[in-house]
C-alpha atoms as a PDB file:
ATOM      1  CA  MET A   1     308.122 220.750-215.114  1.00  0.00           C
ATOM      2  CA  GLY A   2     308.296 222.790-218.313  1.00  0.00           C
ATOM      3  CA  TRP A   3     309.136 219.662-220.339  1.00  0.00           C
ATOM      4  CA  LEU A   4     305.690 218.070-219.786  1.00  0.00           C
ATOM      5  CA  LYS A   5     303.165 218.971-222.438  1.00  0.00           C
ATOM      6  CA  PRO A   6     299.492 218.730-221.481  1.00  0.00           C
ATOM      7  CA  ILE A   7     297.489 216.245-223.527  1.00  0.00           C
ATOM      8  CA  ASN A   8     294.656 217.683-225.535  1.00  0.00           C
ATOM      9  CA  PHE A   9     292.054 214.904-225.341  1.00  0.00           C
ATOM     10  CA  THR A  10     290.125 216.233-228.337  1.00  0.00           C
ATOM     11  CA  ASP A  11     293.203 215.787-230.525  1.00  0.00           C
ATOM     12  CA  MET A  12     293.795 212.339-229.012  1.00  0.00           C
ATOM     13  CA  ASP A  13     290.194 211.291-229.733  1.00  0.00           C
ATOM     14  CA  ILE A  14     290.555 212.429-233.345  1.00  0.00           C
ATOM     15  CA  TYR A  15     293.836 210.535-233.658  1.00  0.00           C
ATOM     16  CA  LEU A  16     292.378 207.362-232.135  1.00  0.00           C
ATOM     17  CA  SER A  17     289.240 207.467-234.296  1.00  0.00           C
ATOM     18  CA  LYS A  18     291.397 207.890-237.438  1.00  0.00           C
ATOM     19  CA  TRP A  19     293.654 205.056-236.243  1.00  0.00           C
ATOM     20  CA  ARG A  20     290.649 202.806-235.745  1.00  0.00           C
ATOM     21  CA  SER A  21     288.966 203.558-239.042  1.00  0.00           C
ATOM     22  CA  GLU A  22     291.733 203.713-241.614  1.00  0.00           C
ATOM     23  CA  LEU A  23     293.339 200.802-243.377  1.00  0.00           C
ATOM     24  CA  ASP A  24     296.568 201.611-245.121  1.00  0.00           C
ATOM     25  CA  LYS A  25     297.883 199.837-248.223  1.00  0.00           C
ATOM     26  CA  THR A  26     299.891 197.400-246.120  1.00  0.00           C
ATOM     27  CA  ASP A  27     296.783 196.444-244.110  1.00  0.00           C
ATOM     28  CA  GLU A  28     294.874 195.947-247.368  1.00  0.00           C
ATOM     29  CA  ARG A  29     297.665 193.750-248.786  1.00  0.00           C
ATOM     30  CA  LEU A  30     297.769 191.745-245.538  1.00  0.00           C
ATOM     31  CA  ILE A  31     293.996 191.231-245.576  1.00  0.00           C
ATOM     32  CA  ALA A  32     294.140 190.166-249.236  1.00  0.00           C
ATOM     33  CA  ALA A  33     296.864 187.628-248.394  1.00  0.00           C
ATOM     34  CA  LEU A  34     294.820 186.295-245.465  1.00  0.00           C
ATOM     35  CA  ARG A  35     291.720 186.019-247.673  1.00  0.00           C
ATOM     36  CA  HIS A  36     293.756 183.943-250.089  1.00  0.00           C
ATOM     37  CA  ASN A  37     295.173 181.730-247.336  1.00  0.00           C
ATOM     38  CA  ALA A  38     294.118 182.408-243.739  1.00  0.00           C
ATOM     39  CA  ARG A  39     296.422 179.595-242.571  1.00  0.00           C
ATOM     40  CA  ALA A  40     299.581 181.157-243.975  1.00  0.00           C
ATOM     41  CA  SER A  41     302.344 181.338-241.382  1.00  0.00           C
ATOM     42  CA  LEU A  42     303.632 184.672-240.139  1.00  0.00           C
ATOM     43  CA  SER A  43     306.924 183.893-241.876  1.00  0.00           C
ATOM     44  CA  ASP A  44     305.205 183.235-245.212  1.00  0.00           C
ATOM     45  CA  LEU A  45     303.110 186.394-244.909  1.00  0.00           C
ATOM     46  CA  ALA A  46     306.172 188.441-243.972  1.00  0.00           C
ATOM     47  CA  LEU A  47     308.090 187.132-246.976  1.00  0.00           C
ATOM     48  CA  GLN A  48     305.151 187.691-249.338  1.00  0.00           C
ATOM     49  CA  LEU A  49     304.540 191.255-248.096  1.00  0.00           C
ATOM     50  CA  ASP A  50     308.206 192.150-247.602  1.00  0.00           C
ATOM     51  CA  LEU A  51     307.653 192.857-243.890  1.00  0.00           C
ATOM     52  CA  SER A  52     309.118 191.478-240.688  1.00  0.00           C
ATOM     53  CA  ARG A  53     307.304 188.719-238.791  1.00  0.00           C
ATOM     54  CA  THR A  54     306.905 191.105-235.859  1.00  0.00           C
ATOM     55  CA  THR A  55     305.219 193.697-238.082  1.00  0.00           C
ATOM     56  CA  VAL A  56     302.850 191.107-239.557  1.00  0.00           C
ATOM     57  CA  ARG A  57     301.929 189.820-236.081  1.00  0.00           C
ATOM     58  CA  ALA A  58     301.386 193.358-234.744  1.00  0.00           C
ATOM     59  CA  ARG A  59     299.229 194.328-237.723  1.00  0.00           C
ATOM     60  CA  ILE A  60     297.076 191.196-237.456  1.00  0.00           C
ATOM     61  CA  GLU A  61     296.600 191.804-233.728  1.00  0.00           C
ATOM     62  CA  ARG A  62     295.711 195.465-234.383  1.00  0.00           C
ATOM     63  CA  LEU A  63     293.228 194.505-237.109  1.00  0.00           C
ATOM     64  CA  GLN A  64     291.585 192.066-234.703  1.00  0.00           C
ATOM     65  CA  LEU A  65     291.507 194.553-231.802  1.00  0.00           C
ATOM     66  CA  ARG A  66     289.961 197.232-234.025  1.00  0.00           C
ATOM     67  CA  GLY A  67     287.348 194.786-235.257  1.00  0.00           C
ATOM     68  CA  ASP A  68     288.492 194.942-238.885  1.00  0.00           C
ATOM     69  CA  VAL A  69     289.237 191.201-238.808  1.00  0.00           C
ATOM     70  CA  LEU A  70     286.593 189.287-236.900  1.00  0.00           C
ATOM     71  CA  GLY A  71     287.939 185.796-237.439  1.00  0.00           C
ATOM     72  CA  PHE A  72     289.361 183.238-239.803  1.00  0.00           C
ATOM     73  CA  THR A  73     287.458 180.560-241.665  1.00  0.00           C
ATOM     74  CA  VAL A  74     287.812 177.376-243.630  1.00  0.00           C
ATOM     75  CA  VAL A  75     286.360 176.874-247.104  1.00  0.00           C
ATOM     76  CA  LEU A  76     285.583 173.246-247.810  1.00  0.00           C
ATOM     77  CA  LYS A  77     285.704 171.691-251.253  1.00  0.00           C
ATOM     78  CA  GLU A  78     282.067 170.664-250.859  1.00  0.00           C
ATOM     79  CA  ASP A  79     281.115 174.312-250.239  1.00  0.00           C
ATOM     80  CA  VAL A  80     282.548 175.289-253.599  1.00  0.00           C
ATOM     81  CA  LEU A  81     281.236 172.321-255.570  1.00  0.00           C
ATOM     82  CA  ARG A  82     277.947 171.930-253.705  1.00  0.00           C
ATOM     83  CA  ASP A  83     275.672 174.153-255.755  1.00  0.00           C
ATOM     84  CA  PRO A  84     276.393 174.221-259.478  1.00  0.00           C
ATOM     85  CA  VAL A  85     273.003 175.905-260.008  1.00  0.00           C
ATOM     86  CA  ARG A  86     272.421 179.001-257.901  1.00  0.00           C
ATOM     87  CA  GLY A  87     269.788 181.693-257.980  1.00  0.00           C
ATOM     88  CA  LEU A  88     268.281 184.655-256.180  1.00  0.00           C
ATOM     89  CA  MET A  89     264.522 184.692-255.744  1.00  0.00           C
ATOM     90  CA  MET A  90     262.878 187.981-254.867  1.00  0.00           C
ATOM     91  CA  ILE A  91     259.539 187.486-253.143  1.00  0.00           C
ATOM     92  CA  GLY A  92     256.608 189.858-252.642  1.00  0.00           C
ATOM     93  CA  ILE A  93     254.435 188.971-249.651  1.00  0.00           C
ATOM     94  CA  GLU A  94     250.840 189.893-248.980  1.00  0.00           C
ATOM     95  CA  GLY A  95     250.065 191.383-245.574  1.00  0.00           C
ATOM     96  CA  ARG A  96     252.020 190.311-242.532  1.00  0.00           C
ATOM     97  CA  GLY A  97     253.027 186.826-243.646  1.00  0.00           C
ATOM     98  CA  ALA A  98     256.789 187.396-243.796  1.00  0.00           C
ATOM     99  CA  SER A  99     257.562 185.551-240.527  1.00  0.00           C
ATOM    100  CA  ARG A 100     255.497 182.527-241.495  1.00  0.00           C
ATOM    101  CA  ILE A 101     256.954 182.382-245.002  1.00  0.00           C
ATOM    102  CA  THR A 102     260.482 182.789-243.613  1.00  0.00           C
ATOM    103  CA  ARG A 103     259.899 179.771-241.340  1.00  0.00           C
ATOM    104  CA  GLN A 104     258.646 177.746-244.316  1.00  0.00           C
ATOM    105  CA  LEU A 105     261.687 178.758-246.374  1.00  0.00           C
ATOM    106  CA  GLN A 106     264.040 177.743-243.558  1.00  0.00           C
ATOM    107  CA  GLY A 107     262.722 174.197-243.886  1.00  0.00           C
ATOM    108  CA  LEU A 108     263.674 173.859-247.553  1.00  0.00           C
ATOM    109  CA  PRO A 109     267.033 172.160-248.232  1.00  0.00           C
ATOM    110  CA  GLU A 110     267.596 174.279-251.380  1.00  0.00           C
ATOM    111  CA  VAL A 111     267.520 177.552-249.419  1.00  0.00           C
ATOM    112  CA  ARG A 112     271.009 178.831-248.567  1.00  0.00           C
ATOM    113  CA  ALA A 113     270.111 182.246-247.109  1.00  0.00           C
ATOM    114  CA  ILE A 114     267.074 184.456-246.531  1.00  0.00           C
ATOM    115  CA  HIS A 115     267.359 188.245-246.511  1.00  0.00           C
ATOM    116  CA  THR A 116     264.752 190.855-245.628  1.00  0.00           C
ATOM    117  CA  THR A 117     264.907 193.953-247.783  1.00  0.00           C
ATOM    118  CA  ASN A 118     263.157 197.188-248.608  1.00  0.00           C
ATOM    119  CA  GLY A 119     261.615 198.347-251.863  1.00  0.00           C
ATOM    120  CA  ARG A 120     259.506 196.264-254.201  1.00  0.00           C
ATOM    121  CA  TRP A 121     260.443 192.899-252.680  1.00  0.00           C
ATOM    122  CA  ASP A 122     259.989 191.716-249.100  1.00  0.00           C
ATOM    123  CA  LEU A 123     262.482 188.854-249.121  1.00  0.00           C
ATOM    124  CA  ILE A 124     265.476 187.822-251.210  1.00  0.00           C
ATOM    125  CA  VAL A 125     266.220 184.117-251.037  1.00  0.00           C
ATOM    126  CA  GLU A 126     269.508 182.537-252.101  1.00  0.00           C
ATOM    127  CA  LEU A 127     268.953 179.072-253.550  1.00  0.00           C
ATOM    128  CA  GLY A 128     271.405 176.348-254.516  1.00  0.00           C
ATOM    129  CA  THR A 129     270.735 173.028-256.248  1.00  0.00           C
ATOM    130  CA  GLU A 130     272.426 170.321-258.281  1.00  0.00           C
ATOM    131  CA  THR A 131     270.275 170.814-261.397  1.00  0.00           C
ATOM    132  CA  LEU A 132     267.997 173.332-263.098  1.00  0.00           C
ATOM    133  CA  GLU A 133     265.095 170.899-262.660  1.00  0.00           C
ATOM    134  CA  THR A 134     265.619 170.820-258.890  1.00  0.00           C
ATOM    135  CA  LEU A 135     265.790 174.616-258.782  1.00  0.00           C
ATOM    136  CA  ASP A 136     262.585 174.835-260.837  1.00  0.00           C
ATOM    137  CA  ALA A 137     260.810 172.497-258.418  1.00  0.00           C
ATOM    138  CA  ALA A 138     261.957 174.576-255.417  1.00  0.00           C
ATOM    139  CA  LEU A 139     260.757 177.783-257.088  1.00  0.00           C
ATOM    140  CA  ALA A 140     257.384 176.212-257.873  1.00  0.00           C
ATOM    141  CA  LYS A 141     256.998 175.056-254.272  1.00  0.00           C
ATOM    142  CA  ILE A 142     257.856 178.499-252.869  1.00  0.00           C
ATOM    143  CA  ARG A 143     255.334 180.162-255.207  1.00  0.00           C
ATOM    144  CA  THR A 144     252.579 177.998-253.672  1.00  0.00           C
ATOM    145  CA  PHE A 145     253.214 179.299-250.144  1.00  0.00           C
ATOM    146  CA  ASP A 146     250.158 181.120-248.844  1.00  0.00           C
ATOM    147  CA  GLY A 147     250.893 184.858-248.903  1.00  0.00           C
ATOM    148  CA  VAL A 148     253.443 184.844-251.746  1.00  0.00           C
ATOM    149  CA  VAL A 149     251.911 187.229-254.290  1.00  0.00           C
ATOM    150  CA  SER A 150     254.804 187.777-256.675  1.00  0.00           C
ATOM    151  CA  SER A 151     258.325 186.635-257.340  1.00  0.00           C
ATOM    152  CA  GLU A 152     261.223 187.090-259.693  1.00  0.00           C
ATOM    153  CA  THR A 153     264.240 184.820-259.983  1.00  0.00           C
ATOM    154  CA  ASN A 154     267.697 185.449-261.372  1.00  0.00           C
ATOM    155  CA  LEU A 155     270.251 182.723-262.007  1.00  0.00           C
ATOM    156  CA  LEU A 156     273.777 183.397-260.796  1.00  0.00           C
ATOM    157  CA  LEU A 157     276.063 182.731-263.740  1.00  0.00           C
ATOM    158  CA  ALA A 158     279.469 183.383-262.192  1.00  0.00           C
ATOM    159  CA  THR A 159     280.871 184.677-258.913  1.00  0.00           C
ATOM    160  CA  LYS A 160     283.636 187.251-259.401  1.00  0.00           C
ATOM    161  CA  LYS A 161     284.318 187.874-255.712  1.00  0.00           C
ATOM    162  CA  GLU A 162     283.288 185.979-252.643  1.00  0.00           C
ATOM    163  CA  SER A 163     283.804 187.258-249.116  1.00  0.00           C
END
């Protein structure tokens, strides 16, 4: 019985929490490769990363189990070409009108996302249109919403990294 070593659960918890939270360089390279092409085969990924197929499969499964990778997605050509003119509109709202204004914004086809925030602005709205004129019309319409007291808009010139 002297060959059995008792497990110290505190040490095991520390080990497991480190295992769950740390990505090593290989994980980062694998994630980068998957971001570039989530449909790449295990063989292609293994060749690209100089790993075995078994290692690639095990790492992908571990990343999914840990919650580091939540899923895989498809980017359509229309998603990339859809909005040549994009902007962020920060909106200041008077009183408690944020829910009502959010509902109104959700009905606009130019609105891509609506974010609540803290600080000077109450909402940040991502907008996308085909032309500057269409964006201008959407901004003008939003400014007429009852309860919108101030706004500021920034055009997005280029996207350097997209998740």
